[in-house]
Amino acid sequence: PDIWGDLVNWPAPETAPYRLIGAAMLAFGASSVLAYREVDWD
């Protein structure tokens, strides 16, 4: 998060909140993988 923040000009003064967002993004991505594997809308 610190390297990315510096690269995009949005510094991460504290990395823990950014890492938490990263973990949430990975969880949402995993839910998309699991959903992709299903065929039943319900």
Full PDB file with SEQRES, HELIX, SHEET, SSBOND, CRYST1, ORIGX, SCALE, CONECT and MASTER records, all heavy atoms in Angstrom:
SEQRES   1 A   42  PRO ASP ILE TRP GLY ASP LEU VAL ASN TRP PRO ALA PRO          
SEQRES   2 A   42  GLU THR ALA PRO TYR ARG LEU ILE GLY ALA ALA MET LEU          
SEQRES   3 A   42  ALA PHE GLY ALA SER SER VAL LEU ALA TYR ARG GLU VAL          
SEQRES   4 A   42  ASP TRP ASP                                                  
HELIX    1 AA1 ASP A    2  LEU A    7  1                                   6    
HELIX    2 AA2 THR A   15  TYR A   36  1                                  22    
CRYST1    1.000    1.000    1.000  90.00  90.00  90.00 P 1           1          
ORIGX1      1.000000  0.000000  0.000000        0.00000                         
ORIGX2      0.000000  1.000000  0.000000        0.00000                         
ORIGX3      0.000000  0.000000  1.000000        0.00000                         
SCALE1      1.000000  0.000000  0.000000        0.00000                         
SCALE2      0.000000  1.000000  0.000000        0.00000                         
SCALE3      0.000000  0.000000  1.000000        0.00000                         
ATOM      1  N   PRO A   1       0.808  -1.230   0.000  1.00  0.00           N  
ATOM      2  CA  PRO A   1       0.000   0.000   0.000  1.00  0.00           C  
ATOM      3  C   PRO A   1       0.836   1.273   0.000  1.00  0.00           C  
ATOM      4  O   PRO A   1       0.452   2.263  -0.625  1.00  0.00           O  
ATOM      5  CB  PRO A   1      -0.825  -0.110   1.286  1.00  0.00           C  
ATOM      6  CG  PRO A   1      -0.034  -1.002   2.171  1.00  0.00           C  
ATOM      7  CD  PRO A   1       0.647  -1.977   1.242  1.00  0.00           C  
ATOM      8  N   ASP A   2       1.983   1.242   0.671  1.00  0.00           N  
ATOM      9  CA  ASP A   2       2.826   2.440   0.719  1.00  0.00           C  
ATOM     10  C   ASP A   2       3.457   2.734  -0.646  1.00  0.00           C  
ATOM     11  O   ASP A   2       3.483   3.879  -1.092  1.00  0.00           O  
ATOM     12  CB  ASP A   2       3.898   2.312   1.799  1.00  0.00           C  
ATOM     13  CG  ASP A   2       4.583   0.956   1.809  1.00  0.00           C  
ATOM     14  OD1 ASP A   2       4.151   0.042   1.074  1.00  0.00           O  
ATOM     15  OD2 ASP A   2       5.564   0.798   2.558  1.00  0.00           O  
ATOM     16  N   ILE A   3       3.932   1.712  -1.325  1.00  0.00           N  
ATOM     17  CA  ILE A   3       4.527   1.892  -2.657  1.00  0.00           C  
ATOM     18  C   ILE A   3       3.463   2.362  -3.640  1.00  0.00           C  
ATOM     19  O   ILE A   3       3.676   3.307  -4.407  1.00  0.00           O  
ATOM     20  CB  ILE A   3       5.188   0.580  -3.144  1.00  0.00           C  
ATOM     21  CG1 ILE A   3       6.377   0.233  -2.242  1.00  0.00           C  
ATOM     22  CG2 ILE A   3       5.621   0.692  -4.603  1.00  0.00           C  
ATOM     23  CD1 ILE A   3       6.948  -1.153  -2.478  1.00  0.00           C  
ATOM     24  N   TRP A   4       2.301   1.703  -3.632  1.00  0.00           N  
ATOM     25  CA  TRP A   4       1.208   2.084  -4.536  1.00  0.00           C  
ATOM     26  C   TRP A   4       0.755   3.514  -4.235  1.00  0.00           C  
ATOM     27  O   TRP A   4       0.538   4.303  -5.161  1.00  0.00           O  
ATOM     28  CB  TRP A   4       0.049   1.101  -4.407  1.00  0.00           C  
ATOM     29  CG  TRP A   4      -1.117   1.448  -5.281  1.00  0.00           C  
ATOM     30  CD1 TRP A   4      -2.314   1.958  -4.892  1.00  0.00           C  
ATOM     31  CD2 TRP A   4      -1.195   1.318  -6.697  1.00  0.00           C  
ATOM     32  NE1 TRP A   4      -3.132   2.147  -5.972  1.00  0.00           N  
ATOM     33  CE2 TRP A   4      -2.470   1.759  -7.100  1.00  0.00           C  
ATOM     34  CE3 TRP A   4      -0.304   0.863  -7.681  1.00  0.00           C  
ATOM     35  CZ2 TRP A   4      -2.881   1.771  -8.431  1.00  0.00           C  
ATOM     36  CZ3 TRP A   4      -0.729   0.871  -9.010  1.00  0.00           C  
ATOM     37  CH2 TRP A   4      -1.992   1.319  -9.369  1.00  0.00           C  
ATOM     38  N   GLY A   5       0.591   3.848  -2.973  1.00  0.00           N  
ATOM     39  CA  GLY A   5       0.157   5.186  -2.596  1.00  0.00           C  
ATOM     40  C   GLY A   5       1.106   6.262  -3.105  1.00  0.00           C  
ATOM     41  O   GLY A   5       0.665   7.303  -3.610  1.00  0.00           O  
ATOM     42  N   ASP A   6       2.388   6.008  -2.989  1.00  0.00           N  
ATOM     43  CA  ASP A   6       3.375   6.971  -3.502  1.00  0.00           C  
ATOM     44  C   ASP A   6       3.318   7.046  -5.031  1.00  0.00           C  
ATOM     45  O   ASP A   6       3.431   8.121  -5.611  1.00  0.00           O  
ATOM     46  CB  ASP A   6       4.789   6.578  -3.064  1.00  0.00           C  
ATOM     47  CG  ASP A   6       5.004   6.766  -1.566  1.00  0.00           C  
ATOM     48  OD1 ASP A   6       4.208   7.497  -0.926  1.00  0.00           O  
ATOM     49  OD2 ASP A   6       5.961   6.166  -1.036  1.00  0.00           O  
ATOM     50  N   LEU A   7       3.117   5.915  -5.681  1.00  0.00           N  
ATOM     51  CA  LEU A   7       3.073   5.863  -7.139  1.00  0.00           C  
ATOM     52  C   LEU A   7       1.890   6.644  -7.713  1.00  0.00           C  
ATOM     53  O   LEU A   7       2.023   7.322  -8.736  1.00  0.00           O  
ATOM     54  CB  LEU A   7       3.006   4.399  -7.604  1.00  0.00           C  
ATOM     55  CG  LEU A   7       3.070   4.143  -9.096  1.00  0.00           C  
ATOM     56  CD1 LEU A   7       4.429   4.550  -9.644  1.00  0.00           C  
ATOM     57  CD2 LEU A   7       2.808   2.676  -9.384  1.00  0.00           C  
ATOM     58  N   VAL A   8       0.734   6.572  -7.056  1.00  0.00           N  
ATOM     59  CA  VAL A   8      -0.477   7.223  -7.572  1.00  0.00           C  
ATOM     60  C   VAL A   8      -0.759   8.567  -6.887  1.00  0.00           C  
ATOM     61  O   VAL A   8      -1.831   9.137  -7.052  1.00  0.00           O  
ATOM     62  CB  VAL A   8      -1.710   6.298  -7.485  1.00  0.00           C  
ATOM     63  CG1 VAL A   8      -1.501   5.048  -8.307  1.00  0.00           C  
ATOM     64  CG2 VAL A   8      -2.061   5.968  -6.040  1.00  0.00           C  
ATOM     65  N   ASN A   9       0.193   9.031  -6.101  1.00  0.00           N  
ATOM     66  CA  ASN A   9       0.070  10.316  -5.409  1.00  0.00           C  
ATOM     67  C   ASN A   9      -1.086  10.338  -4.404  1.00  0.00           C  
ATOM     68  O   ASN A   9      -1.755  11.346  -4.238  1.00  0.00           O  
ATOM     69  CB  ASN A   9      -0.065  11.464  -6.420  1.00  0.00           C  
ATOM     70  CG  ASN A   9       0.206  12.803  -5.798  1.00  0.00           C  
ATOM     71  OD1 ASN A   9       0.999  12.915  -4.865  1.00  0.00           O  
ATOM     72  ND2 ASN A   9      -0.460  13.836  -6.288  1.00  0.00           N  
ATOM     73  N   TRP A  10      -1.320   9.207  -3.761  1.00  0.00           N  
ATOM     74  CA  TRP A  10      -2.323   9.112  -2.697  1.00  0.00           C  
ATOM     75  C   TRP A  10      -1.674   8.328  -1.560  1.00  0.00           C  
ATOM     76  O   TRP A  10      -1.982   7.158  -1.328  1.00  0.00           O  
ATOM     77  CB  TRP A  10      -3.568   8.408  -3.192  1.00  0.00           C  
ATOM     78  CG  TRP A  10      -4.826   8.760  -2.456  1.00  0.00           C  
ATOM     79  CD1 TRP A  10      -4.947   9.471  -1.317  1.00  0.00           C  
ATOM     80  CD2 TRP A  10      -6.149   8.386  -2.833  1.00  0.00           C  
ATOM     81  NE1 TRP A  10      -6.259   9.584  -0.962  1.00  0.00           N  
ATOM     82  CE2 TRP A  10      -7.028   8.924  -1.876  1.00  0.00           C  
ATOM     83  CE3 TRP A  10      -6.683   7.649  -3.877  1.00  0.00           C  
ATOM     84  CZ2 TRP A  10      -8.404   8.749  -1.930  1.00  0.00           C  
ATOM     85  CZ3 TRP A  10      -8.041   7.479  -3.941  1.00  0.00           C  
ATOM     86  CH2 TRP A  10      -8.897   8.029  -2.978  1.00  0.00           C  
ATOM     87  N   PRO A  11      -0.735   8.975  -0.852  1.00  0.00           N  
ATOM     88  CA  PRO A  11       0.074   8.279   0.151  1.00  0.00           C  
ATOM     89  C   PRO A  11      -0.764   7.600   1.235  1.00  0.00           C  
ATOM     90  O   PRO A  11      -1.849   8.060   1.575  1.00  0.00           O  
ATOM     91  CB  PRO A  11       0.929   9.382   0.764  1.00  0.00           C  
ATOM     92  CG  PRO A  11       0.825  10.546  -0.142  1.00  0.00           C  
ATOM     93  CD  PRO A  11      -0.445  10.403  -0.901  1.00  0.00           C  
ATOM     94  N   ALA A  12      -0.211   6.537   1.750  1.00  0.00           N  
ATOM     95  CA  ALA A  12      -0.840   5.782   2.833  1.00  0.00           C  
ATOM     96  C   ALA A  12      -0.102   6.111   4.124  1.00  0.00           C  
ATOM     97  O   ALA A  12       0.882   5.462   4.449  1.00  0.00           O  
ATOM     98  CB  ALA A  12      -0.771   4.286   2.535  1.00  0.00           C  
ATOM     99  N   PRO A  13      -0.572   7.123   4.885  1.00  0.00           N  
ATOM    100  CA  PRO A  13       0.139   7.491   6.113  1.00  0.00           C  
ATOM    101  C   PRO A  13       0.176   6.345   7.117  1.00  0.00           C  
ATOM    102  O   PRO A  13       1.136   6.196   7.859  1.00  0.00           O  
ATOM    103  CB  PRO A  13      -0.638   8.683   6.659  1.00  0.00           C  
ATOM    104  CG  PRO A  13      -1.927   8.699   5.935  1.00  0.00           C  
ATOM    105  CD  PRO A  13      -1.752   7.920   4.671  1.00  0.00           C  
ATOM    106  N   GLU A  14      -0.868   5.551   7.134  1.00  0.00           N  
ATOM    107  CA  GLU A  14      -0.906   4.332   7.943  1.00  0.00           C  
ATOM    108  C   GLU A  14      -1.354   3.214   7.022  1.00  0.00           C  
ATOM    109  O   GLU A  14      -2.363   3.340   6.336  1.00  0.00           O  
ATOM    110  CB  GLU A  14      -1.877   4.485   9.113  1.00  0.00           C  
ATOM    111  CG  GLU A  14      -1.449   5.537  10.106  1.00  0.00           C  
ATOM    112  CD  GLU A  14      -2.374   5.586  11.298  1.00  0.00           C  
ATOM    113  OE1 GLU A  14      -2.950   4.557  11.660  1.00  0.00           O  
ATOM    114  OE2 GLU A  14      -2.516   6.675  11.860  1.00  0.00           O  
ATOM    115  N   THR A  15      -0.623   2.134   7.014  1.00  0.00           N  
ATOM    116  CA  THR A  15      -0.920   1.081   6.044  1.00  0.00           C  
ATOM    117  C   THR A  15      -2.025   0.125   6.488  1.00  0.00           C  
ATOM    118  O   THR A  15      -2.636  -0.525   5.650  1.00  0.00           O  
ATOM    119  CB  THR A  15       0.342   0.274   5.708  1.00  0.00           C  
ATOM    120  OG1 THR A  15       0.864  -0.290   6.907  1.00  0.00           O  
ATOM    121  CG2 THR A  15       1.383   1.142   5.027  1.00  0.00           C  
ATOM    122  N   ALA A  16      -2.307   0.029   7.769  1.00  0.00           N  
ATOM    123  CA  ALA A  16      -3.309  -0.941   8.241  1.00  0.00           C  
ATOM    124  C   ALA A  16      -4.678  -0.765   7.586  1.00  0.00           C  
ATOM    125  O   ALA A  16      -5.269  -1.760   7.130  1.00  0.00           O  
ATOM    126  CB  ALA A  16      -3.421  -0.899   9.767  1.00  0.00           C  
ATOM    127  N   PRO A  17      -5.221   0.454   7.472  1.00  0.00           N  
ATOM    128  CA  PRO A  17      -6.532   0.590   6.808  1.00  0.00           C  
ATOM    129  C   PRO A  17      -6.486   0.176   5.338  1.00  0.00           C  
ATOM    130  O   PRO A  17      -7.439  -0.421   4.827  1.00  0.00           O  
ATOM    131  CB  PRO A  17      -6.860   2.079   6.943  1.00  0.00           C  
ATOM    132  CG  PRO A  17      -6.041   2.563   8.077  1.00  0.00           C  
ATOM    133  CD  PRO A  17      -4.799   1.718   8.075  1.00  0.00           C  
ATOM    134  N   TYR A  18      -5.383   0.467   4.668  1.00  0.00           N  
ATOM    135  CA  TYR A  18      -5.242   0.075   3.267  1.00  0.00           C  
ATOM    136  C   TYR A  18      -5.161  -1.447   3.140  1.00  0.00           C  
ATOM    137  O   TYR A  18      -5.726  -2.040   2.229  1.00  0.00           O  
ATOM    138  CB  TYR A  18      -4.009   0.732   2.647  1.00  0.00           C  
ATOM    139  CG  TYR A  18      -4.187   2.210   2.425  1.00  0.00           C  
ATOM    140  CD1 TYR A  18      -4.008   3.114   3.466  1.00  0.00           C  
ATOM    141  CD2 TYR A  18      -4.553   2.700   1.190  1.00  0.00           C  
ATOM    142  CE1 TYR A  18      -4.185   4.473   3.275  1.00  0.00           C  
ATOM    143  CE2 TYR A  18      -4.735   4.049   0.978  1.00  0.00           C  
ATOM    144  CZ  TYR A  18      -4.551   4.939   2.028  1.00  0.00           C  
ATOM    145  OH  TYR A  18      -4.740   6.277   1.838  1.00  0.00           O  
ATOM    146  N   ARG A  19      -4.448  -2.067   4.039  1.00  0.00           N  
ATOM    147  CA  ARG A  19      -4.346  -3.530   4.031  1.00  0.00           C  
ATOM    148  C   ARG A  19      -5.715  -4.169   4.309  1.00  0.00           C  
ATOM    149  O   ARG A  19      -6.063  -5.195   3.723  1.00  0.00           O  
ATOM    150  CB  ARG A  19      -3.316  -4.004   5.044  1.00  0.00           C  
ATOM    151  CG  ARG A  19      -1.895  -3.621   4.668  1.00  0.00           C  
ATOM    152  CD  ARG A  19      -0.883  -4.124   5.704  1.00  0.00           C  
ATOM    153  NE  ARG A  19       0.391  -3.466   5.583  1.00  0.00           N  
ATOM    154  CZ  ARG A  19       1.315  -3.746   4.668  1.00  0.00           C  
ATOM    155  NH1 ARG A  19       1.099  -4.688   3.789  1.00  0.00           N  
ATOM    156  NH2 ARG A  19       2.454  -3.081   4.654  1.00  0.00           N  
ATOM    157  N   LEU A  20      -6.485  -3.545   5.172  1.00  0.00           N  
ATOM    158  CA  LEU A  20      -7.834  -4.033   5.452  1.00  0.00           C  
ATOM    159  C   LEU A  20      -8.708  -3.939   4.199  1.00  0.00           C  
ATOM    160  O   LEU A  20      -9.463  -4.867   3.883  1.00  0.00           O  
ATOM    161  CB  LEU A  20      -8.454  -3.231   6.601  1.00  0.00           C  
ATOM    162  CG  LEU A  20      -9.827  -3.680   7.086  1.00  0.00           C  
ATOM    163  CD1 LEU A  20      -9.790  -5.111   7.595  1.00  0.00           C  
ATOM    164  CD2 LEU A  20     -10.322  -2.739   8.175  1.00  0.00           C  
ATOM    165  N   ILE A  21      -8.592  -2.837   3.463  1.00  0.00           N  
ATOM    166  CA  ILE A  21      -9.317  -2.687   2.200  1.00  0.00           C  
ATOM    167  C   ILE A  21      -8.863  -3.759   1.215  1.00  0.00           C  
ATOM    168  O   ILE A  21      -9.674  -4.353   0.507  1.00  0.00           O  
ATOM    169  CB  ILE A  21      -9.120  -1.276   1.615  1.00  0.00           C  
ATOM    170  CG1 ILE A  21      -9.829  -0.246   2.497  1.00  0.00           C  
ATOM    171  CG2 ILE A  21      -9.611  -1.195   0.174  1.00  0.00           C  
ATOM    172  CD1 ILE A  21      -9.449   1.193   2.201  1.00  0.00           C  
ATOM    173  N   GLY A  22      -7.563  -4.019   1.176  1.00  0.00           N  
ATOM    174  CA  GLY A  22      -7.046  -5.073   0.304  1.00  0.00           C  
ATOM    175  C   GLY A  22      -7.624  -6.428   0.651  1.00  0.00           C  
ATOM    176  O   GLY A  22      -8.012  -7.197  -0.228  1.00  0.00           O  
ATOM    177  N   ALA A  23      -7.703  -6.729   1.945  1.00  0.00           N  
ATOM    178  CA  ALA A  23      -8.292  -8.006   2.370  1.00  0.00           C  
ATOM    179  C   ALA A  23      -9.758  -8.081   1.965  1.00  0.00           C  
ATOM    180  O   ALA A  23     -10.230  -9.129   1.500  1.00  0.00           O  
ATOM    181  CB  ALA A  23      -8.145  -8.165   3.888  1.00  0.00           C  
ATOM    182  N   ALA A  24     -10.483  -6.975   2.115  1.00  0.00           N  
ATOM    183  CA  ALA A  24     -11.898  -6.955   1.720  1.00  0.00           C  
ATOM    184  C   ALA A  24     -12.039  -7.160   0.213  1.00  0.00           C  
ATOM    185  O   ALA A  24     -12.917  -7.909  -0.240  1.00  0.00           O  
ATOM    186  CB  ALA A  24     -12.543  -5.638   2.143  1.00  0.00           C  
ATOM    187  N   MET A  25     -11.171  -6.529  -0.557  1.00  0.00           N  
ATOM    188  CA  MET A  25     -11.219  -6.707  -2.011  1.00  0.00           C  
ATOM    189  C   MET A  25     -10.966  -8.163  -2.393  1.00  0.00           C  
ATOM    190  O   MET A  25     -11.631  -8.709  -3.281  1.00  0.00           O  
ATOM    191  CB  MET A  25     -10.193  -5.808  -2.701  1.00  0.00           C  
ATOM    192  CG  MET A  25     -10.556  -4.360  -2.711  1.00  0.00           C  
ATOM    193  SD  MET A  25      -9.246  -3.440  -3.538  1.00  0.00           S  
ATOM    194  CE  MET A  25      -9.933  -1.816  -3.535  1.00  0.00           C  
ATOM    195  N   LEU A  26     -10.010  -8.780  -1.735  1.00  0.00           N  
ATOM    196  CA  LEU A  26      -9.739 -10.195  -2.007  1.00  0.00           C  
ATOM    197  C   LEU A  26     -10.939 -11.067  -1.640  1.00  0.00           C  
ATOM    198  O   LEU A  26     -11.267 -12.019  -2.357  1.00  0.00           O  
ATOM    199  CB  LEU A  26      -8.485 -10.653  -1.266  1.00  0.00           C  
ATOM    200  CG  LEU A  26      -7.182 -10.062  -1.789  1.00  0.00           C  
ATOM    201  CD1 LEU A  26      -6.022 -10.426  -0.869  1.00  0.00           C  
ATOM    202  CD2 LEU A  26      -6.905 -10.510  -3.215  1.00  0.00           C  
ATOM    203  N   ALA A  27     -11.614 -10.726  -0.548  1.00  0.00           N  
ATOM    204  CA  ALA A  27     -12.807 -11.481  -0.154  1.00  0.00           C  
ATOM    205  C   ALA A  27     -13.928 -11.317  -1.184  1.00  0.00           C  
ATOM    206  O   ALA A  27     -14.588 -12.293  -1.551  1.00  0.00           O  
ATOM    207  CB  ALA A  27     -13.281 -11.027   1.228  1.00  0.00           C  
ATOM    208  N   PHE A  28     -14.126 -10.083  -1.658  1.00  0.00           N  
ATOM    209  CA  PHE A  28     -15.147  -9.864  -2.694  1.00  0.00           C  
ATOM    210  C   PHE A  28     -14.774 -10.603  -3.978  1.00  0.00           C  
ATOM    211  O   PHE A  28     -15.633 -11.159  -4.655  1.00  0.00           O  
ATOM    212  CB  PHE A  28     -15.330  -8.369  -2.974  1.00  0.00           C  
ATOM    213  CG  PHE A  28     -16.207  -7.677  -1.984  1.00  0.00           C  
ATOM    214  CD1 PHE A  28     -15.685  -6.702  -1.151  1.00  0.00           C  
ATOM    215  CD2 PHE A  28     -17.555  -7.990  -1.870  1.00  0.00           C  
ATOM    216  CE1 PHE A  28     -16.489  -6.048  -0.228  1.00  0.00           C  
ATOM    217  CE2 PHE A  28     -18.367  -7.344  -0.956  1.00  0.00           C  
ATOM    218  CZ  PHE A  28     -17.832  -6.375  -0.126  1.00  0.00           C  
ATOM    219  N   GLY A  29     -13.490 -10.607  -4.305  1.00  0.00           N  
ATOM    220  CA  GLY A  29     -13.039 -11.354  -5.479  1.00  0.00           C  
ATOM    221  C   GLY A  29     -13.277 -12.848  -5.321  1.00  0.00           C  
ATOM    222  O   GLY A  29     -13.711 -13.526  -6.258  1.00  0.00           O  
ATOM    223  N   ALA A  30     -13.012 -13.362  -4.128  1.00  0.00           N  
ATOM    224  CA  ALA A  30     -13.251 -14.789  -3.866  1.00  0.00           C  
ATOM    225  C   ALA A  30     -14.735 -15.106  -3.978  1.00  0.00           C  
ATOM    226  O   ALA A  30     -15.113 -16.159  -4.512  1.00  0.00           O  
ATOM    227  CB  ALA A  30     -12.726 -15.164  -2.479  1.00  0.00           C  
ATOM    228  N   SER A  31     -15.587 -14.195  -3.514  1.00  0.00           N  
ATOM    229  CA  SER A  31     -17.028 -14.447  -3.628  1.00  0.00           C  
ATOM    230  C   SER A  31     -17.450 -14.474  -5.092  1.00  0.00           C  
ATOM    231  O   SER A  31     -18.334 -15.244  -5.478  1.00  0.00           O  
ATOM    232  CB  SER A  31     -17.842 -13.415  -2.839  1.00  0.00           C  
ATOM    233  OG  SER A  31     -17.822 -12.151  -3.454  1.00  0.00           O  
ATOM    234  N   SER A  32     -16.801 -13.677  -5.930  1.00  0.00           N  
ATOM    235  CA  SER A  32     -17.104 -13.711  -7.359  1.00  0.00           C  
ATOM    236  C   SER A  32     -16.662 -15.030  -7.988  1.00  0.00           C  
ATOM    237  O   SER A  32     -17.345 -15.566  -8.867  1.00  0.00           O  
ATOM    238  CB  SER A  32     -16.454 -12.526  -8.086  1.00  0.00           C  
ATOM    239  OG  SER A  32     -17.200 -11.354  -7.880  1.00  0.00           O  
ATOM    240  N   VAL A  33     -15.526 -15.552  -7.551  1.00  0.00           N  
ATOM    241  CA  VAL A  33     -15.072 -16.857  -8.048  1.00  0.00           C  
ATOM    242  C   VAL A  33     -16.073 -17.946  -7.651  1.00  0.00           C  
ATOM    243  O   VAL A  33     -16.470 -18.779  -8.470  1.00  0.00           O  
ATOM    244  CB  VAL A  33     -13.665 -17.208  -7.518  1.00  0.00           C  
ATOM    245  CG1 VAL A  33     -13.303 -18.657  -7.811  1.00  0.00           C  
ATOM    246  CG2 VAL A  33     -12.628 -16.256  -8.107  1.00  0.00           C  
ATOM    247  N   LEU A  34     -16.488 -17.916  -6.393  1.00  0.00           N  
ATOM    248  CA  LEU A  34     -17.456 -18.916  -5.928  1.00  0.00           C  
ATOM    249  C   LEU A  34     -18.781 -18.779  -6.664  1.00  0.00           C  
ATOM    250  O   LEU A  34     -19.406 -19.784  -7.037  1.00  0.00           O  
ATOM    251  CB  LEU A  34     -17.664 -18.785  -4.414  1.00  0.00           C  
ATOM    252  CG  LEU A  34     -16.440 -19.100  -3.561  1.00  0.00           C  
ATOM    253  CD1 LEU A  34     -16.709 -18.749  -2.104  1.00  0.00           C  
ATOM    254  CD2 LEU A  34     -16.040 -20.555  -3.715  1.00  0.00           C  
ATOM    255  N   ALA A  35     -19.215 -17.549  -6.896  1.00  0.00           N  
ATOM    256  CA  ALA A  35     -20.475 -17.326  -7.611  1.00  0.00           C  
ATOM    257  C   ALA A  35     -20.355 -17.770  -9.061  1.00  0.00           C  
ATOM    258  O   ALA A  35     -21.300 -18.341  -9.620  1.00  0.00           O  
ATOM    259  CB  ALA A  35     -20.867 -15.858  -7.532  1.00  0.00           C  
ATOM    260  N   TYR A  36     -19.212 -17.532  -9.681  1.00  0.00           N  
ATOM    261  CA  TYR A  36     -18.998 -17.957 -11.065  1.00  0.00           C  
ATOM    262  C   TYR A  36     -19.200 -19.464 -11.220  1.00  0.00           C  
ATOM    263  O   TYR A  36     -19.703 -19.939 -12.225  1.00  0.00           O  
ATOM    264  CB  TYR A  36     -17.588 -17.567 -11.523  1.00  0.00           C  
ATOM    265  CG  TYR A  36     -17.211 -18.198 -12.840  1.00  0.00           C  
ATOM    266  CD1 TYR A  36     -17.655 -17.650 -14.032  1.00  0.00           C  
ATOM    267  CD2 TYR A  36     -16.423 -19.354 -12.887  1.00  0.00           C  
ATOM    268  CE1 TYR A  36     -17.334 -18.241 -15.248  1.00  0.00           C  
ATOM    269  CE2 TYR A  36     -16.092 -19.938 -14.084  1.00  0.00           C  
ATOM    270  CZ  TYR A  36     -16.553 -19.379 -15.266  1.00  0.00           C  
ATOM    271  OH  TYR A  36     -16.238 -19.967 -16.460  1.00  0.00           O  
ATOM    272  N   ARG A  37     -18.827 -20.208 -10.211  1.00  0.00           N  
ATOM    273  CA  ARG A  37     -18.904 -21.669 -10.269  1.00  0.00           C  
ATOM    274  C   ARG A  37     -20.324 -22.199 -10.141  1.00  0.00           C  
ATOM    275  O   ARG A  37     -20.569 -23.376 -10.404  1.00  0.00           O  
ATOM    276  CB  ARG A  37     -18.012 -22.261  -9.184  1.00  0.00           C  
ATOM    277  CG  ARG A  37     -16.533 -21.892  -9.410  1.00  0.00           C  
ATOM    278  CD  ARG A  37     -15.661 -22.366  -8.313  1.00  0.00           C  
ATOM    279  NE  ARG A  37     -15.804 -23.802  -8.167  1.00  0.00           N  
ATOM    280  CZ  ARG A  37     -15.161 -24.536  -7.278  1.00  0.00           C  
ATOM    281  NH1 ARG A  37     -14.327 -23.951  -6.453  1.00  0.00           N  
ATOM    282  NH2 ARG A  37     -15.350 -25.814  -7.196  1.00  0.00           N  
ATOM    283  N   GLU A  38     -21.266 -21.344  -9.748  1.00  0.00           N  
ATOM    284  CA  GLU A  38     -22.655 -21.755  -9.582  1.00  0.00           C  
ATOM    285  C   GLU A  38     -23.444 -21.516 -10.866  1.00  0.00           C  
ATOM    286  O   GLU A  38     -23.118 -20.616 -11.637  1.00  0.00           O  
ATOM    287  CB  GLU A  38     -23.309 -20.972  -8.436  1.00  0.00           C  
ATOM    288  CG  GLU A  38     -22.735 -21.274  -7.081  1.00  0.00           C  
ATOM    289  CD  GLU A  38     -23.034 -22.690  -6.593  1.00  0.00           C  
ATOM    290  OE1 GLU A  38     -23.981 -23.322  -7.109  1.00  0.00           O  
ATOM    291  OE2 GLU A  38     -22.317 -23.155  -5.694  1.00  0.00           O  
ATOM    292  N   VAL A  39     -24.482 -22.292 -11.064  1.00  0.00           N  
ATOM    293  CA  VAL A  39     -25.371 -22.083 -12.208  1.00  0.00           C  
ATOM    294  C   VAL A  39     -26.778 -21.691 -11.757  1.00  0.00           C  
ATOM    295  O   VAL A  39     -27.551 -21.147 -12.531  1.00  0.00           O  
ATOM    296  CB  VAL A  39     -25.453 -23.337 -13.108  1.00  0.00           C  
ATOM    297  CG1 VAL A  39     -24.109 -23.600 -13.777  1.00  0.00           C  
ATOM    298  CG2 VAL A  39     -25.923 -24.547 -12.346  1.00  0.00           C  
ATOM    299  N   ASP A  40     -27.091 -21.947 -10.515  1.00  0.00           N  
ATOM    300  CA  ASP A  40     -28.417 -21.670  -9.965  1.00  0.00           C  
ATOM    301  C   ASP A  40     -28.471 -20.238  -9.438  1.00  0.00           C  
ATOM    302  O   ASP A  40     -27.693 -19.855  -8.563  1.00  0.00           O  
ATOM    303  CB  ASP A  40     -28.707 -22.679  -8.842  1.00  0.00           C  
ATOM    304  CG  ASP A  40     -30.066 -22.527  -8.220  1.00  0.00           C  
ATOM    305  OD1 ASP A  40     -30.881 -21.731  -8.736  1.00  0.00           O  
ATOM    306  OD2 ASP A  40     -30.327 -23.213  -7.208  1.00  0.00           O  
ATOM    307  N   TRP A  41     -29.396 -19.448  -9.973  1.00  0.00           N  
ATOM    308  CA  TRP A  41     -29.539 -18.045  -9.587  1.00  0.00           C  
ATOM    309  C   TRP A  41     -29.727 -17.879  -8.084  1.00  0.00           C  
ATOM    310  O   TRP A  41     -29.174 -16.962  -7.486  1.00  0.00           O  
ATOM    311  CB  TRP A  41     -30.703 -17.419 -10.351  1.00  0.00           C  
ATOM    312  CG  TRP A  41     -31.075 -16.064  -9.864  1.00  0.00           C  
ATOM    313  CD1 TRP A  41     -32.205 -15.715  -9.196  1.00  0.00           C  
ATOM    314  CD2 TRP A  41     -30.301 -14.866  -9.985  1.00  0.00           C  
ATOM    315  NE1 TRP A  41     -32.188 -14.377  -8.890  1.00  0.00           N  
ATOM    316  CE2 TRP A  41     -31.027 -13.826  -9.362  1.00  0.00           C  
ATOM    317  CE3 TRP A  41     -29.066 -14.564 -10.542  1.00  0.00           C  
ATOM    318  CZ2 TRP A  41     -30.566 -12.526  -9.296  1.00  0.00           C  
ATOM    319  CZ3 TRP A  41     -28.609 -13.261 -10.471  1.00  0.00           C  
ATOM    320  CH2 TRP A  41     -29.351 -12.263  -9.856  1.00  0.00           C  
ATOM    321  N   ASP A  42     -30.509 -18.744  -7.475  1.00  0.00           N  
ATOM    322  CA  ASP A  42     -30.784 -18.622  -6.047  1.00  0.00           C  
ATOM    323  C   ASP A  42     -29.530 -18.745  -5.182  1.00  0.00           C  
ATOM    324  O   ASP A  42     -29.506 -18.275  -4.054  1.00  0.00           O  
ATOM    325  CB  ASP A  42     -31.817 -19.661  -5.606  1.00  0.00           C  
ATOM    326  CG  ASP A  42     -33.193 -19.380  -6.177  1.00  0.00           C  
ATOM    327  OD1 ASP A  42     -33.477 -18.193  -6.480  1.00  0.00           O  
ATOM    328  OD2 ASP A  42     -33.988 -20.322  -6.334  1.00  0.00           O  
TER     329      ASP A  42                                                      
MASTER        0    0    0    2    0    0    0    6  328    1    0    4          
END                                                                             
